[in-house]
C-alpha atoms as a PDB file:
ATOM      1  CA  MET A   1     -37.258   5.810  16.550  1.00  0.00           C
ATOM      2  CA  PRO A   2     -36.121   3.525  19.386  1.00  0.00           C
ATOM      3  CA  ARG A   3     -34.433   5.093  22.369  1.00  0.00           C
ATOM      4  CA  PHE A   4     -31.129   3.701  23.551  1.00  0.00           C
ATOM      5  CA  SER A   5     -29.836   3.853  27.079  1.00  0.00           C
ATOM      6  CA  PRO A   6     -26.550   5.772  27.507  1.00  0.00           C
ATOM      7  CA  ILE A   7     -24.710   2.498  28.093  1.00  0.00           C
ATOM      8  CA  ARG A   8     -26.149   0.921  24.942  1.00  0.00           C
ATOM      9  CA  LEU A   9     -25.387   4.054  22.945  1.00  0.00           C
ATOM     10  CA  ALA A  10     -21.782   4.085  24.187  1.00  0.00           C
ATOM     11  CA  LEU A  11     -21.402   0.392  23.362  1.00  0.00           C
ATOM     12  CA  LEU A  12     -22.859   0.858  19.884  1.00  0.00           C
ATOM     13  CA  SER A  13     -20.586   3.848  19.271  1.00  0.00           C
ATOM     14  CA  GLY A  14     -17.592   1.800  20.366  1.00  0.00           C
ATOM     15  CA  VAL A  15     -18.485  -1.055  18.050  1.00  0.00           C
ATOM     16  CA  ILE A  16     -18.899   1.314  15.094  1.00  0.00           C
ATOM     17  CA  ALA A  17     -15.611   3.097  15.824  1.00  0.00           C
ATOM     18  CA  THR A  18     -13.758  -0.201  16.202  1.00  0.00           C
ATOM     19  CA  SER A  19     -15.125  -1.584  12.945  1.00  0.00           C
ATOM     20  CA  MET A  20     -14.147   1.595  11.127  1.00  0.00           C
ATOM     21  CA  GLY A  21     -10.639   1.350  12.589  1.00  0.00           C
ATOM     22  CA  ILE A  22     -10.307  -2.268  11.524  1.00  0.00           C
ATOM     23  CA  GLY A  23     -11.518  -1.397   8.023  1.00  0.00           C
ATOM     24  CA  TYR A  24      -8.921   1.361   7.764  1.00  0.00           C
ATOM     25  CA  ALA A  25      -6.158  -0.897   9.047  1.00  0.00           C
ATOM     26  CA  ILE A  26      -7.009  -3.577   6.503  1.00  0.00           C
ATOM     27  CA  GLY A  27      -7.418  -1.170   3.572  1.00  0.00           C
ATOM     28  CA  ALA A  28      -4.505   1.168   4.329  1.00  0.00           C
ATOM     29  CA  GLN A  29      -1.187   0.056   2.917  1.00  0.00           C
ATOM     30  CA  PRO A  30       1.253   2.807   3.964  1.00  0.00           C
ATOM     31  CA  HIS A  31       4.380   0.641   3.807  1.00  0.00           C
ATOM     32  CA  MET A  32       3.415  -0.870   0.486  1.00  0.00           C
ATOM     33  CA  GLY A  33       2.655   2.572  -0.929  1.00  0.00           C
ATOM     34  CA  GLU A  34       6.012   3.877   0.264  1.00  0.00           C
ATOM     35  CA  THR A  35       7.681   0.862  -1.322  1.00  0.00           C
ATOM     36  CA  VAL A  36       6.156   1.714  -4.705  1.00  0.00           C
ATOM     37  CA  ALA A  37       7.401   5.304  -4.379  1.00  0.00           C
ATOM     38  CA  PHE A  38      10.865   4.092  -3.383  1.00  0.00           C
ATOM     39  CA  LEU A  39      11.037   1.652  -6.299  1.00  0.00           C
ATOM     40  CA  GLN A  40       9.875   4.335  -8.743  1.00  0.00           C
ATOM     41  CA  SER A  41      12.594   6.659  -7.457  1.00  0.00           C
ATOM     42  CA  ALA A  42      15.213   3.924  -7.783  1.00  0.00           C
ATOM     43  CA  ARG A  43      14.013   3.167 -11.302  1.00  0.00           C
ATOM     44  CA  LYS A  44      14.303   6.826 -12.285  1.00  0.00           C
ATOM     45  CA  GLU A  45      17.879   6.983 -11.005  1.00  0.00           C
ATOM     46  CA  LEU A  46      18.836   3.740 -12.728  1.00  0.00           C
ATOM     47  CA  ALA A  47      17.241   4.862 -15.997  1.00  0.00           C
ATOM     48  CA  GLU A  48      19.402   7.994 -15.914  1.00  0.00           C
ATOM     49  CA  ALA A  49      22.621   5.991 -15.443  1.00  0.00           C
ATOM     50  CA  THR A  50      24.880   5.430 -18.410  1.00  0.00           C
ATOM     51  CA  PRO A  51      23.814   2.311 -20.335  1.00  0.00           C
ATOM     52  CA  ASN A  52      27.241   0.653 -20.655  1.00  0.00           C
ATOM     53  CA  LYS A  53      26.755  -1.960 -17.925  1.00  0.00           C
ATOM     54  CA  GLY A  54      26.797  -5.194 -19.933  1.00  0.00           C
ATOM     55  CA  GLY A  55      23.016  -5.472 -19.945  1.00  0.00           C
ATOM     56  CA  HIS A  56      22.812  -5.487 -16.133  1.00  0.00           C
ATOM     57  CA  ARG A  57      21.217  -2.029 -15.992  1.00  0.00           C
ATOM     58  CA  GLU A  58      18.465  -3.114 -18.384  1.00  0.00           C
ATOM     59  CA  ARG A  59      17.834  -6.320 -16.417  1.00  0.00           C
ATOM     60  CA  ALA A  60      17.731  -4.315 -13.184  1.00  0.00           C
ATOM     61  CA  LEU A  61      15.168  -1.964 -14.737  1.00  0.00           C
ATOM     62  CA  ALA A  62      13.027  -4.954 -15.708  1.00  0.00           C
ATOM     63  CA  LEU A  63      13.318  -6.401 -12.193  1.00  0.00           C
ATOM     64  CA  ILE A  64      12.260  -3.077 -10.672  1.00  0.00           C
ATOM     65  CA  ASP A  65       9.278  -2.962 -13.046  1.00  0.00           C
ATOM     66  CA  ASN A  66       8.340  -6.485 -11.913  1.00  0.00           C
ATOM     67  CA  ALA A  67       8.753  -5.507  -8.253  1.00  0.00           C
ATOM     68  CA  ILE A  68       6.498  -2.469  -8.706  1.00  0.00           C
ATOM     69  CA  ALA A  69       3.868  -4.669 -10.370  1.00  0.00           C
ATOM     70  CA  GLU A  70       4.066  -7.238  -7.554  1.00  0.00           C
ATOM     71  CA  VAL A  71       3.741  -4.608  -4.814  1.00  0.00           C
ATOM     72  CA  ARG A  72       0.747  -3.069  -6.588  1.00  0.00           C
ATOM     73  CA  ALA A  73      -0.798  -6.524  -6.952  1.00  0.00           C
ATOM     74  CA  GLY A  74      -0.310  -7.055  -3.217  1.00  0.00           C
ATOM     75  CA  ILE A  75      -2.017  -3.754  -2.455  1.00  0.00           C
ATOM     76  CA  ALA A  76      -4.908  -4.676  -4.734  1.00  0.00           C
ATOM     77  CA  PHE A  77      -5.180  -8.144  -3.171  1.00  0.00           C
ATOM     78  CA  ALA A  78      -5.395  -6.601   0.310  1.00  0.00           C
ATOM     79  CA  GLY A  79      -8.193  -4.345  -0.876  1.00  0.00           C
ATOM     80  CA  GLY A  80      -6.173  -1.141  -0.891  1.00  0.00           C
END
């Protein structure tokens, strides 16, 4: 096994730690994940509302479903 000088070892450790941090930053989607949770909560509340809204409630539910799908697609596209 090759021996590394302390400076080389520190540099290698730094490179590995940095690459791991970059990988986490790219893969982690905390705001997108929170958005899905928020939209799901909003959908639940809207679904529990009385249905006599001239079809607007149903259209809003469909739009929320589309928004959830789009956010999830964005997370998947980013590798999260």
